[in-house]
Amino acid sequence: MAHGAGWRLLTGAETAALTGTGPAGGGRPAVSQWNDELRAGHPATAAFAVLHGTAGDVPGWLRAGEALSGGWLAATRLDVAVLPLSAPVVDTRIGDRLRSMAGDLGQVYLALRLTRDSDGARSGTPRLPARQLISRG
């Protein structure tokens, strides 16, 4: 586990078992995106992974950022697109489910969708509408 954080690739069965772990409709945007991604029926070149570590404190999150950065750079060199999904942090039920099914992951930081297009093109990254990201307060 580099930097005190690591990536754990989920099996196809584990990914299938996660479908519907977030609340349907009316949920937070991150949870809606999570549900959409799991239901999308991605091609065989798609996989899901979990970024996890030993601590949920500030140093733990910083180590997770370092591990994410290193892993993302490695994925880019391999023409693998990375889509981070924050639903396991936003909805503790999803994080709890990941921990229970994937062994002792400790702190779950992010879920990640990894895709590699057969023609080498990058997969599109869905964007949330600006009104869901920007608050005027």
C-alpha atoms as a PDB file:
ATOM      1  CA  MET A   1       0.000   0.000   0.000  1.00  0.00           C
ATOM      2  CA  ALA A   2       1.887   3.069  -1.257  1.00  0.00           C
ATOM      3  CA  HIS A   3       1.623   6.222   0.827  1.00  0.00           C
ATOM      4  CA  GLY A   4      -0.580   4.431   3.382  1.00  0.00           C
ATOM      5  CA  ALA A   5      -3.336   4.123   0.775  1.00  0.00           C
ATOM      6  CA  GLY A   6      -4.011   1.657  -2.000  1.00  0.00           C
ATOM      7  CA  TRP A   7      -6.343   0.679  -4.800  1.00  0.00           C
ATOM      8  CA  ARG A   8      -8.358  -2.523  -4.662  1.00  0.00           C
ATOM      9  CA  LEU A   9      -9.851  -3.760  -7.933  1.00  0.00           C
ATOM     10  CA  LEU A  10     -13.392  -5.094  -7.528  1.00  0.00           C
ATOM     11  CA  THR A  11     -14.459  -8.309  -9.215  1.00  0.00           C
ATOM     12  CA  GLY A  12     -17.383  -8.294 -11.618  1.00  0.00           C
ATOM     13  CA  ALA A  13     -19.521 -10.069  -9.012  1.00  0.00           C
ATOM     14  CA  GLU A  14     -18.635  -7.461  -6.376  1.00  0.00           C
ATOM     15  CA  THR A  15     -19.495  -4.635  -8.748  1.00  0.00           C
ATOM     16  CA  ALA A  16     -22.826  -6.275  -9.616  1.00  0.00           C
ATOM     17  CA  ALA A  17     -23.609  -6.697  -5.912  1.00  0.00           C
ATOM     18  CA  LEU A  18     -23.112  -2.959  -5.390  1.00  0.00           C
ATOM     19  CA  THR A  19     -25.832  -1.971  -7.867  1.00  0.00           C
ATOM     20  CA  GLY A  20     -28.618  -0.239  -5.977  1.00  0.00           C
ATOM     21  CA  THR A  21     -26.637   0.320  -2.759  1.00  0.00           C
ATOM     22  CA  GLY A  22     -27.355   4.039  -2.928  1.00  0.00           C
ATOM     23  CA  PRO A  23     -30.840   5.506  -2.482  1.00  0.00           C
ATOM     24  CA  ALA A  24     -32.861   5.688  -5.678  1.00  0.00           C
ATOM     25  CA  GLY A  25     -34.037   9.076  -6.936  1.00  0.00           C
ATOM     26  CA  GLY A  26     -33.867  12.310  -5.003  1.00  0.00           C
ATOM     27  CA  GLY A  27     -30.444  11.361  -3.611  1.00  0.00           C
ATOM     28  CA  ARG A  28     -27.343  13.475  -3.646  1.00  0.00           C
ATOM     29  CA  PRO A  29     -25.765  14.023  -7.086  1.00  0.00           C
ATOM     30  CA  ALA A  30     -22.747  11.847  -6.195  1.00  0.00           C
ATOM     31  CA  VAL A  31     -25.024   8.956  -5.215  1.00  0.00           C
ATOM     32  CA  SER A  32     -27.166   9.365  -8.338  1.00  0.00           C
ATOM     33  CA  GLN A  33     -24.007   9.284 -10.465  1.00  0.00           C
ATOM     34  CA  TRP A  34     -22.853   6.165  -8.569  1.00  0.00           C
ATOM     35  CA  ASN A  35     -26.128   4.368  -9.311  1.00  0.00           C
ATOM     36  CA  ASP A  36     -26.025   5.456 -12.960  1.00  0.00           C
ATOM     37  CA  GLU A  37     -22.458   4.202 -13.395  1.00  0.00           C
ATOM     38  CA  LEU A  38     -23.198   0.800 -11.892  1.00  0.00           C
ATOM     39  CA  ARG A  39     -26.345   0.341 -13.988  1.00  0.00           C
ATOM     40  CA  ALA A  40     -24.748   1.548 -17.234  1.00  0.00           C
ATOM     41  CA  GLY A  41     -23.623  -1.881 -18.360  1.00  0.00           C
ATOM     42  CA  HIS A  42     -20.109  -0.783 -19.285  1.00  0.00           C
ATOM     43  CA  PRO A  43     -18.141  -2.764 -21.834  1.00  0.00           C
ATOM     44  CA  ALA A  44     -15.833  -5.567 -20.768  1.00  0.00           C
ATOM     45  CA  THR A  45     -12.990  -3.038 -20.697  1.00  0.00           C
ATOM     46  CA  ALA A  46     -14.491  -1.230 -17.686  1.00  0.00           C
ATOM     47  CA  ALA A  47     -13.664  -2.053 -14.090  1.00  0.00           C
ATOM     48  CA  PHE A  48     -14.288  -0.522 -10.683  1.00  0.00           C
ATOM     49  CA  ALA A  49     -11.727  -0.046  -7.933  1.00  0.00           C
ATOM     50  CA  VAL A  50     -11.708   1.355  -4.422  1.00  0.00           C
ATOM     51  CA  LEU A  51      -9.128   3.803  -3.106  1.00  0.00           C
ATOM     52  CA  HIS A  52      -8.714   2.958   0.570  1.00  0.00           C
ATOM     53  CA  GLY A  53      -6.327   3.423   3.459  1.00  0.00           C
ATOM     54  CA  THR A  54      -5.742   3.198   7.156  1.00  0.00           C
ATOM     55  CA  ALA A  55      -6.944   6.547   8.489  1.00  0.00           C
ATOM     56  CA  GLY A  56      -9.756   9.046   7.971  1.00  0.00           C
ATOM     57  CA  ASP A  57      -7.787  11.949   9.439  1.00  0.00           C
ATOM     58  CA  VAL A  58      -6.152  14.798   7.496  1.00  0.00           C
ATOM     59  CA  PRO A  59      -2.815  12.978   6.980  1.00  0.00           C
ATOM     60  CA  GLY A  60      -4.747   9.899   5.790  1.00  0.00           C
ATOM     61  CA  TRP A  61      -6.654  11.939   3.218  1.00  0.00           C
ATOM     62  CA  LEU A  62      -3.416  13.568   2.058  1.00  0.00           C
ATOM     63  CA  ARG A  63      -1.828  10.121   1.593  1.00  0.00           C
ATOM     64  CA  ALA A  64      -4.937   9.063  -0.335  1.00  0.00           C
ATOM     65  CA  GLY A  65      -4.490  12.065  -2.628  1.00  0.00           C
ATOM     66  CA  GLU A  66      -0.889  11.072  -3.258  1.00  0.00           C
ATOM     67  CA  ALA A  67      -1.919   7.490  -4.053  1.00  0.00           C
ATOM     68  CA  LEU A  68      -4.714   8.719  -6.329  1.00  0.00           C
ATOM     69  CA  SER A  69      -2.311  11.014  -8.163  1.00  0.00           C
ATOM     70  CA  GLY A  70       0.268   8.257  -8.667  1.00  0.00           C
ATOM     71  CA  GLY A  71      -2.332   5.731  -9.753  1.00  0.00           C
ATOM     72  CA  TRP A  72      -4.002   8.190 -12.121  1.00  0.00           C
ATOM     73  CA  LEU A  73      -0.661   9.002 -13.769  1.00  0.00           C
ATOM     74  CA  ALA A  74       0.066   5.290 -14.202  1.00  0.00           C
ATOM     75  CA  ALA A  75      -3.421   4.750 -15.658  1.00  0.00           C
ATOM     76  CA  THR A  76      -2.924   7.628 -18.090  1.00  0.00           C
ATOM     77  CA  ARG A  77       0.330   6.080 -19.337  1.00  0.00           C
ATOM     78  CA  LEU A  78      -1.653   2.894 -20.038  1.00  0.00           C
ATOM     79  CA  ASP A  79      -4.463   4.799 -21.837  1.00  0.00           C
ATOM     80  CA  VAL A  80      -6.898   4.016 -19.019  1.00  0.00           C
ATOM     81  CA  ALA A  81      -9.464   6.677 -18.168  1.00  0.00           C
ATOM     82  CA  VAL A  82     -10.215   7.208 -14.461  1.00  0.00           C
ATOM     83  CA  LEU A  83     -13.544   8.497 -13.184  1.00  0.00           C
ATOM     84  CA  PRO A  84     -13.555   9.145  -9.416  1.00  0.00           C
ATOM     85  CA  LEU A  85     -16.866   8.547  -7.654  1.00  0.00           C
ATOM     86  CA  SER A  86     -17.340  10.081  -4.194  1.00  0.00           C
ATOM     87  CA  ALA A  87     -20.539   8.210  -3.300  1.00  0.00           C
ATOM     88  CA  PRO A  88     -18.827   5.915  -0.734  1.00  0.00           C
ATOM     89  CA  VAL A  89     -17.870   9.029   1.239  1.00  0.00           C
ATOM     90  CA  VAL A  90     -21.128  10.922   0.719  1.00  0.00           C
ATOM     91  CA  ASP A  91     -23.348   7.969   1.689  1.00  0.00           C
ATOM     92  CA  THR A  92     -21.905   5.819   4.477  1.00  0.00           C
ATOM     93  CA  ARG A  93     -24.135   2.869   3.481  1.00  0.00           C
ATOM     94  CA  ILE A  94     -22.151   2.534   0.264  1.00  0.00           C
ATOM     95  CA  GLY A  95     -18.800   2.756   2.069  1.00  0.00           C
ATOM     96  CA  ASP A  96     -19.992   0.212   4.648  1.00  0.00           C
ATOM     97  CA  ARG A  97     -21.107  -2.160   1.880  1.00  0.00           C
ATOM     98  CA  LEU A  98     -17.743  -1.875   0.146  1.00  0.00           C
ATOM     99  CA  ARG A  99     -15.905  -2.630   3.382  1.00  0.00           C
ATOM    100  CA  SER A 100     -18.098  -5.621   4.207  1.00  0.00           C
ATOM    101  CA  MET A 101     -17.840  -7.250   0.784  1.00  0.00           C
ATOM    102  CA  ALA A 102     -14.247  -6.451  -0.131  1.00  0.00           C
ATOM    103  CA  GLY A 103     -12.508  -7.324   3.107  1.00  0.00           C
ATOM    104  CA  ASP A 104     -10.917  -4.988   5.567  1.00  0.00           C
ATOM    105  CA  LEU A 105     -10.391  -1.864   3.486  1.00  0.00           C
ATOM    106  CA  GLY A 106     -10.169   0.462   6.463  1.00  0.00           C
ATOM    107  CA  GLN A 107     -11.116   3.969   5.363  1.00  0.00           C
ATOM    108  CA  VAL A 108     -12.789   4.125   1.932  1.00  0.00           C
ATOM    109  CA  TYR A 109     -11.804   7.353   0.157  1.00  0.00           C
ATOM    110  CA  LEU A 110     -13.229   6.975  -3.366  1.00  0.00           C
ATOM    111  CA  ALA A 111     -14.567   4.468  -5.837  1.00  0.00           C
ATOM    112  CA  LEU A 112     -13.059   4.645  -9.317  1.00  0.00           C
ATOM    113  CA  ARG A 113     -14.347   3.570 -12.704  1.00  0.00           C
ATOM    114  CA  LEU A 114     -11.496   2.509 -14.971  1.00  0.00           C
ATOM    115  CA  THR A 115     -12.080   2.175 -18.710  1.00  0.00           C
ATOM    116  CA  ARG A 116      -9.939   1.485 -21.695  1.00  0.00           C
ATOM    117  CA  ASP A 117     -11.466   1.970 -25.099  1.00  0.00           C
ATOM    118  CA  SER A 118     -10.435  -0.573 -27.705  1.00  0.00           C
ATOM    119  CA  ASP A 119      -9.546   2.198 -30.161  1.00  0.00           C
ATOM    120  CA  GLY A 120      -7.419   4.083 -27.604  1.00  0.00           C
ATOM    121  CA  ALA A 121      -9.835   7.014 -27.315  1.00  0.00           C
ATOM    122  CA  ARG A 122     -10.635   8.377 -23.878  1.00  0.00           C
ATOM    123  CA  SER A 123     -14.030   7.588 -22.416  1.00  0.00           C
ATOM    124  CA  GLY A 124     -16.201  10.625 -21.850  1.00  0.00           C
ATOM    125  CA  THR A 125     -16.442  11.834 -18.293  1.00  0.00           C
ATOM    126  CA  PRO A 126     -19.971  12.764 -17.271  1.00  0.00           C
ATOM    127  CA  ARG A 127     -20.305  16.253 -15.860  1.00  0.00           C
ATOM    128  CA  LEU A 128     -22.806  17.416 -13.270  1.00  0.00           C
ATOM    129  CA  PRO A 129     -24.782  20.550 -14.152  1.00  0.00           C
ATOM    130  CA  ALA A 130     -23.229  23.763 -12.789  1.00  0.00           C
ATOM    131  CA  ARG A 131     -26.318  24.406 -10.625  1.00  0.00           C
ATOM    132  CA  GLN A 132     -25.458  21.241  -8.645  1.00  0.00           C
ATOM    133  CA  LEU A 133     -21.838  22.277  -8.136  1.00  0.00           C
ATOM    134  CA  ILE A 134     -22.024  26.012  -7.482  1.00  0.00           C
ATOM    135  CA  SER A 135     -24.007  27.560  -4.680  1.00  0.00           C
ATOM    136  CA  ARG A 136     -24.802  31.214  -4.455  1.00  0.00           C
ATOM    137  CA  GLY A 137     -24.807  32.063  -0.843  1.00  0.00           C
END
